[in-house]
Amino acid sequence: MDTLEAHAAGCVGMAANMIGEHKRIIAVVDGRKRVLMYNPVILESSGRYETEEGCLSLEGERTAVRYKTIKVSYLDKDFRSRTKQYSGYTAQIIQHEIDHCNGIII
């Protein structure tokens, strides 16, 4: 969360493995709040589309396939089990960061 905050000017999501922590943890900006997810898993997705994304790990933008709406299961910052539906840009950010956890860079 500190690293996400430190890069707030140009960063809306961060995966732990991007900063050398080999754990399935992501932090994302959801509107005005920041959300921490331990072991996030996408359970459902709908509304497939192609988009261009940038990444702190790469220069420029790349094409990526994303979904408009996703349902995600995760543990929150207090290690409580959560399942929540996300849509739009927040869903896109979550998918990008989960890709990082899975070793996929756009």
N, C-alpha and C. Protein backbone atom coordinates (compact mmCIF):
# COMPACT_ATOMS: atom_id res chain seq x y z
N MET A 1 0.83 -1.19 0.00
CA MET A 1 0.00 0.00 0.00
C MET A 1 0.88 1.26 0.00
N ASP A 2 1.99 1.19 0.72
CA ASP A 2 2.90 2.34 0.74
C ASP A 2 3.49 2.61 -0.64
N THR A 3 3.85 1.55 -1.36
CA THR A 3 4.42 1.71 -2.70
C THR A 3 3.39 2.27 -3.66
N LEU A 4 2.15 1.79 -3.56
CA LEU A 4 1.07 2.33 -4.40
C LEU A 4 0.90 3.82 -4.11
N GLU A 5 0.89 4.18 -2.85
CA GLU A 5 0.75 5.59 -2.47
C GLU A 5 1.92 6.42 -2.98
N ALA A 6 3.13 5.89 -2.88
CA ALA A 6 4.32 6.62 -3.33
C ALA A 6 4.31 6.89 -4.82
N HIS A 7 3.62 6.04 -5.59
CA HIS A 7 3.55 6.20 -7.04
C HIS A 7 2.16 6.67 -7.50
N ALA A 8 1.42 7.28 -6.62
CA ALA A 8 0.03 7.66 -6.89
C ALA A 8 -0.14 8.52 -8.14
N ALA A 9 0.85 9.31 -8.49
CA ALA A 9 0.73 10.19 -9.66
C ALA A 9 0.60 9.41 -10.96
N GLY A 10 1.16 8.20 -11.02
CA GLY A 10 1.11 7.45 -12.26
C GLY A 10 0.78 5.98 -12.11
N CYS A 11 0.20 5.61 -10.97
CA CYS A 11 -0.03 4.19 -10.70
C CYS A 11 -1.40 4.00 -10.03
N VAL A 12 -2.19 3.06 -10.56
CA VAL A 12 -3.51 2.79 -9.98
C VAL A 12 -3.62 1.37 -9.43
N GLY A 13 -2.54 0.61 -9.55
CA GLY A 13 -2.54 -0.75 -9.02
C GLY A 13 -1.13 -1.26 -8.84
N MET A 14 -0.97 -2.21 -7.94
CA MET A 14 0.35 -2.76 -7.65
C MET A 14 0.18 -4.21 -7.20
N ALA A 15 1.04 -5.07 -7.70
CA ALA A 15 1.10 -6.46 -7.24
C ALA A 15 2.38 -6.63 -6.44
N ALA A 16 2.31 -7.41 -5.37
CA ALA A 16 3.46 -7.58 -4.48
C ALA A 16 4.71 -8.06 -5.21
N ASN A 17 4.52 -8.94 -6.21
CA ASN A 17 5.70 -9.46 -6.90
C ASN A 17 6.40 -8.39 -7.75
N MET A 18 5.77 -7.26 -7.98
CA MET A 18 6.40 -6.17 -8.71
C MET A 18 7.49 -5.49 -7.87
N ILE A 19 7.40 -5.67 -6.55
CA ILE A 19 8.38 -5.04 -5.66
C ILE A 19 9.17 -6.10 -4.89
N GLY A 20 9.24 -7.31 -5.46
CA GLY A 20 10.10 -8.34 -4.91
C GLY A 20 9.48 -9.22 -3.85
N GLU A 21 8.21 -9.06 -3.57
CA GLU A 21 7.51 -9.93 -2.61
C GLU A 21 6.76 -10.99 -3.39
N HIS A 22 7.18 -12.22 -3.27
CA HIS A 22 6.58 -13.31 -4.04
C HIS A 22 5.36 -13.86 -3.33
N LYS A 23 4.32 -13.01 -3.29
CA LYS A 23 3.06 -13.34 -2.64
C LYS A 23 1.93 -12.86 -3.52
N ARG A 24 0.76 -13.49 -3.39
CA ARG A 24 -0.42 -13.11 -4.17
C ARG A 24 -1.18 -12.01 -3.43
N ILE A 25 -0.63 -10.81 -3.52
CA ILE A 25 -1.23 -9.64 -2.88
C ILE A 25 -1.30 -8.53 -3.91
N ILE A 26 -2.45 -7.88 -4.01
CA ILE A 26 -2.57 -6.72 -4.89
C ILE A 26 -3.18 -5.56 -4.11
N ALA A 27 -2.87 -4.37 -4.57
CA ALA A 27 -3.47 -3.14 -4.04
C ALA A 27 -3.96 -2.37 -5.26
N VAL A 28 -5.21 -1.90 -5.20
CA VAL A 28 -5.78 -1.18 -6.34
C VAL A 28 -6.51 0.06 -5.86
N VAL A 29 -6.56 1.04 -6.75
CA VAL A 29 -7.34 2.24 -6.50
C VAL A 29 -8.75 1.97 -7.01
N ASP A 30 -9.72 2.17 -6.14
CA ASP A 30 -11.14 1.99 -6.47
C ASP A 30 -11.83 3.31 -6.16
N GLY A 31 -11.87 4.17 -7.17
CA GLY A 31 -12.41 5.51 -6.94
C GLY A 31 -11.48 6.31 -6.05
N ARG A 32 -11.95 6.69 -4.89
CA ARG A 32 -11.13 7.47 -3.95
C ARG A 32 -10.47 6.60 -2.88
N LYS A 33 -10.80 5.32 -2.84
CA LYS A 33 -10.20 4.45 -1.81
C LYS A 33 -9.23 3.47 -2.43
N ARG A 34 -8.39 2.94 -1.59
CA ARG A 34 -7.43 1.91 -1.99
C ARG A 34 -7.85 0.60 -1.34
N VAL A 35 -7.80 -0.46 -2.13
CA VAL A 35 -8.25 -1.77 -1.66
C VAL A 35 -7.08 -2.74 -1.70
N LEU A 36 -6.90 -3.46 -0.60
CA LEU A 36 -5.87 -4.49 -0.50
C LEU A 36 -6.53 -5.85 -0.63
N MET A 37 -5.99 -6.73 -1.48
CA MET A 37 -6.54 -8.06 -1.68
C MET A 37 -5.45 -9.11 -1.52
N TYR A 38 -5.68 -10.04 -0.58
CA TYR A 38 -4.80 -11.19 -0.43
C TYR A 38 -5.41 -12.36 -1.19
N ASN A 39 -4.60 -13.04 -1.97
CA ASN A 39 -5.02 -14.22 -2.74
C ASN A 39 -6.28 -13.99 -3.57
N PRO A 40 -6.30 -12.92 -4.39
CA PRO A 40 -7.48 -12.66 -5.21
C PRO A 40 -7.65 -13.71 -6.32
N VAL A 41 -8.90 -14.10 -6.54
CA VAL A 41 -9.24 -15.06 -7.59
C VAL A 41 -10.47 -14.54 -8.31
N ILE A 42 -10.41 -14.48 -9.63
CA ILE A 42 -11.59 -14.08 -10.42
C ILE A 42 -12.48 -15.30 -10.56
N LEU A 43 -13.71 -15.20 -10.07
CA LEU A 43 -14.66 -16.30 -10.11
C LEU A 43 -15.52 -16.27 -11.36
N GLU A 44 -15.87 -15.08 -11.80
CA GLU A 44 -16.73 -14.90 -12.98
C GLU A 44 -16.28 -13.66 -13.73
N SER A 45 -16.52 -13.67 -15.04
CA SER A 45 -16.22 -12.49 -15.85
C SER A 45 -17.19 -12.43 -17.01
N SER A 46 -17.50 -11.20 -17.43
CA SER A 46 -18.39 -11.03 -18.59
C SER A 46 -18.06 -9.72 -19.29
N GLY A 47 -18.43 -9.65 -20.56
CA GLY A 47 -18.22 -8.43 -21.34
C GLY A 47 -16.80 -8.28 -21.86
N ARG A 48 -16.31 -9.28 -22.57
CA ARG A 48 -14.94 -9.28 -23.09
C ARG A 48 -14.71 -8.08 -24.01
N TYR A 49 -13.53 -7.44 -23.87
CA TYR A 49 -13.14 -6.35 -24.77
C TYR A 49 -11.62 -6.25 -24.83
N GLU A 50 -11.11 -5.59 -25.85
CA GLU A 50 -9.68 -5.32 -25.98
C GLU A 50 -9.42 -3.87 -25.61
N THR A 51 -8.28 -3.64 -24.97
CA THR A 51 -7.91 -2.29 -24.56
C THR A 51 -6.40 -2.14 -24.62
N GLU A 52 -5.93 -0.92 -24.49
CA GLU A 52 -4.49 -0.63 -24.41
C GLU A 52 -4.18 -0.28 -22.97
N GLU A 53 -3.10 -0.89 -22.43
CA GLU A 53 -2.71 -0.64 -21.05
C GLU A 53 -1.23 -0.31 -20.95
N GLY A 54 -0.92 0.50 -19.99
CA GLY A 54 0.46 0.75 -19.62
C GLY A 54 0.78 -0.03 -18.36
N CYS A 55 2.06 -0.08 -18.02
CA CYS A 55 2.49 -0.84 -16.85
C CYS A 55 3.80 -0.24 -16.34
N LEU A 56 3.94 -0.18 -15.03
CA LEU A 56 5.20 0.32 -14.47
C LEU A 56 6.38 -0.56 -14.85
N SER A 57 6.10 -1.83 -15.19
CA SER A 57 7.16 -2.78 -15.54
C SER A 57 7.64 -2.64 -16.98
N LEU A 58 6.91 -1.90 -17.80
CA LEU A 58 7.22 -1.79 -19.23
C LEU A 58 7.10 -0.34 -19.70
N GLU A 59 7.76 -0.04 -20.80
CA GLU A 59 7.57 1.26 -21.44
C GLU A 59 6.45 1.15 -22.46
N GLY A 60 5.69 2.19 -22.63
CA GLY A 60 4.64 2.22 -23.64
C GLY A 60 3.40 1.46 -23.20
N GLU A 61 2.53 1.22 -24.18
CA GLU A 61 1.28 0.51 -23.93
C GLU A 61 1.22 -0.76 -24.75
N ARG A 62 0.43 -1.71 -24.29
CA ARG A 62 0.24 -3.00 -24.97
C ARG A 62 -1.25 -3.31 -25.01
N THR A 63 -1.65 -4.11 -25.98
CA THR A 63 -3.03 -4.57 -26.08
C THR A 63 -3.28 -5.67 -25.05
N ALA A 64 -4.43 -5.61 -24.41
CA ALA A 64 -4.80 -6.62 -23.43
C ALA A 64 -6.29 -6.94 -23.58
N VAL A 65 -6.64 -8.20 -23.32
CA VAL A 65 -8.04 -8.60 -23.29
C VAL A 65 -8.51 -8.50 -21.84
N ARG A 66 -9.61 -7.81 -21.63
CA ARG A 66 -10.18 -7.64 -20.29
C ARG A 66 -11.69 -7.90 -20.34
N TYR A 67 -12.30 -7.87 -19.17
CA TYR A 67 -13.74 -8.08 -19.05
C TYR A 67 -14.34 -6.91 -18.29
N LYS A 68 -15.52 -6.46 -18.74
CA LYS A 68 -16.16 -5.28 -18.16
C LYS A 68 -16.59 -5.51 -16.71
N THR A 69 -17.02 -6.73 -16.40
CA THR A 69 -17.49 -7.05 -15.06
C THR A 69 -16.83 -8.34 -14.58
N ILE A 70 -16.35 -8.32 -13.34
CA ILE A 70 -15.74 -9.52 -12.75
C ILE A 70 -16.26 -9.70 -11.33
N LYS A 71 -16.27 -10.94 -10.88
CA LYS A 71 -16.55 -11.25 -9.48
C LYS A 71 -15.26 -11.81 -8.91
N VAL A 72 -14.80 -11.24 -7.79
CA VAL A 72 -13.51 -11.59 -7.21
C VAL A 72 -13.69 -12.08 -5.78
N SER A 73 -13.00 -13.17 -5.47
CA SER A 73 -12.93 -13.68 -4.10
C SER A 73 -11.53 -13.35 -3.57
N TYR A 74 -11.45 -12.87 -2.34
CA TYR A 74 -10.16 -12.48 -1.76
C TYR A 74 -10.29 -12.35 -0.24
N LEU A 75 -9.16 -12.21 0.42
CA LEU A 75 -9.13 -11.85 1.83
C LEU A 75 -8.83 -10.37 1.90
N ASP A 76 -9.56 -9.64 2.76
CA ASP A 76 -9.32 -8.21 2.89
C ASP A 76 -8.15 -7.93 3.83
N LYS A 77 -7.90 -6.67 4.13
CA LYS A 77 -6.75 -6.29 4.95
C LYS A 77 -6.79 -6.88 6.35
N ASP A 78 -7.98 -7.27 6.80
CA ASP A 78 -8.15 -7.89 8.12
C ASP A 78 -8.27 -9.41 8.00
N PHE A 79 -7.95 -9.95 6.82
CA PHE A 79 -7.99 -11.39 6.51
C PHE A 79 -9.40 -11.98 6.61
N ARG A 80 -10.40 -11.14 6.33
CA ARG A 80 -11.78 -11.63 6.24
C ARG A 80 -12.06 -11.99 4.79
N SER A 81 -12.76 -13.08 4.60
CA SER A 81 -13.12 -13.53 3.26
C SER A 81 -14.16 -12.58 2.65
N ARG A 82 -13.91 -12.19 1.42
CA ARG A 82 -14.81 -11.29 0.69
C ARG A 82 -15.05 -11.83 -0.71
N THR A 83 -16.22 -11.58 -1.22
CA THR A 83 -16.52 -11.81 -2.63
C THR A 83 -17.26 -10.58 -3.09
N LYS A 84 -16.73 -9.94 -4.13
CA LYS A 84 -17.31 -8.67 -4.58
C LYS A 84 -17.27 -8.58 -6.10
N GLN A 85 -18.26 -7.91 -6.63
CA GLN A 85 -18.31 -7.68 -8.07
C GLN A 85 -17.74 -6.29 -8.35
N TYR A 86 -16.91 -6.21 -9.39
CA TYR A 86 -16.33 -4.95 -9.82
C TYR A 86 -16.62 -4.77 -11.30
N SER A 87 -16.68 -3.51 -11.73
CA SER A 87 -16.91 -3.25 -13.15
C SER A 87 -16.09 -2.04 -13.58
N GLY A 88 -16.05 -1.86 -14.89
CA GLY A 88 -15.36 -0.69 -15.45
C GLY A 88 -13.87 -0.69 -15.20
N TYR A 89 -13.35 0.51 -14.94
CA TYR A 89 -11.91 0.69 -14.81
C TYR A 89 -11.33 -0.07 -13.62
N THR A 90 -12.07 -0.12 -12.52
CA THR A 90 -11.59 -0.86 -11.36
C THR A 90 -11.43 -2.33 -11.69
N ALA A 91 -12.38 -2.91 -12.42
CA ALA A 91 -12.27 -4.31 -12.85
C ALA A 91 -11.04 -4.51 -13.72
N GLN A 92 -10.77 -3.56 -14.59
CA GLN A 92 -9.60 -3.65 -15.47
C GLN A 92 -8.31 -3.64 -14.65
N ILE A 93 -8.23 -2.77 -13.66
CA ILE A 93 -7.04 -2.70 -12.82
C ILE A 93 -6.83 -4.01 -12.08
N ILE A 94 -7.89 -4.55 -11.51
CA ILE A 94 -7.79 -5.81 -10.76
C ILE A 94 -7.29 -6.93 -11.67
N GLN A 95 -7.83 -7.02 -12.89
CA GLN A 95 -7.39 -8.05 -13.83
C GLN A 95 -5.91 -7.90 -14.17
N HIS A 96 -5.47 -6.68 -14.37
CA HIS A 96 -4.06 -6.41 -14.68
C HIS A 96 -3.15 -6.89 -13.54
N GLU A 97 -3.53 -6.56 -12.31
CA GLU A 97 -2.71 -6.92 -11.16
C GLU A 97 -2.75 -8.43 -10.88
N ILE A 98 -3.88 -9.07 -11.07
CA ILE A 98 -3.94 -10.52 -10.92
C ILE A 98 -3.08 -11.19 -11.98
N ASP A 99 -3.05 -10.62 -13.19
CA ASP A 99 -2.12 -11.14 -14.21
C ASP A 99 -0.69 -11.13 -13.69
N HIS A 100 -0.29 -10.04 -13.05
CA HIS A 100 1.06 -9.98 -12.47
C HIS A 100 1.28 -11.14 -11.49
N CYS A 101 0.30 -11.38 -10.63
CA CYS A 101 0.41 -12.48 -9.67
C CYS A 101 0.57 -13.83 -10.38
N ASN A 102 0.00 -13.93 -11.57
CA ASN A 102 0.08 -15.18 -12.35
C ASN A 102 1.27 -15.20 -13.29
N GLY A 103 2.15 -14.22 -13.16
CA GLY A 103 3.36 -14.20 -14.00
C GLY A 103 3.13 -13.66 -15.40
N ILE A 104 2.01 -13.00 -15.62
CA ILE A 104 1.68 -12.45 -16.94
C ILE A 104 1.89 -10.94 -16.93
N ILE A 105 2.70 -10.47 -17.86
CA ILE A 105 2.89 -9.03 -18.05
C ILE A 105 2.37 -8.71 -19.44
N ILE A 106 1.55 -7.70 -19.54
CA ILE A 106 0.89 -7.39 -20.83
C ILE A 106 1.83 -7.32 -21.99
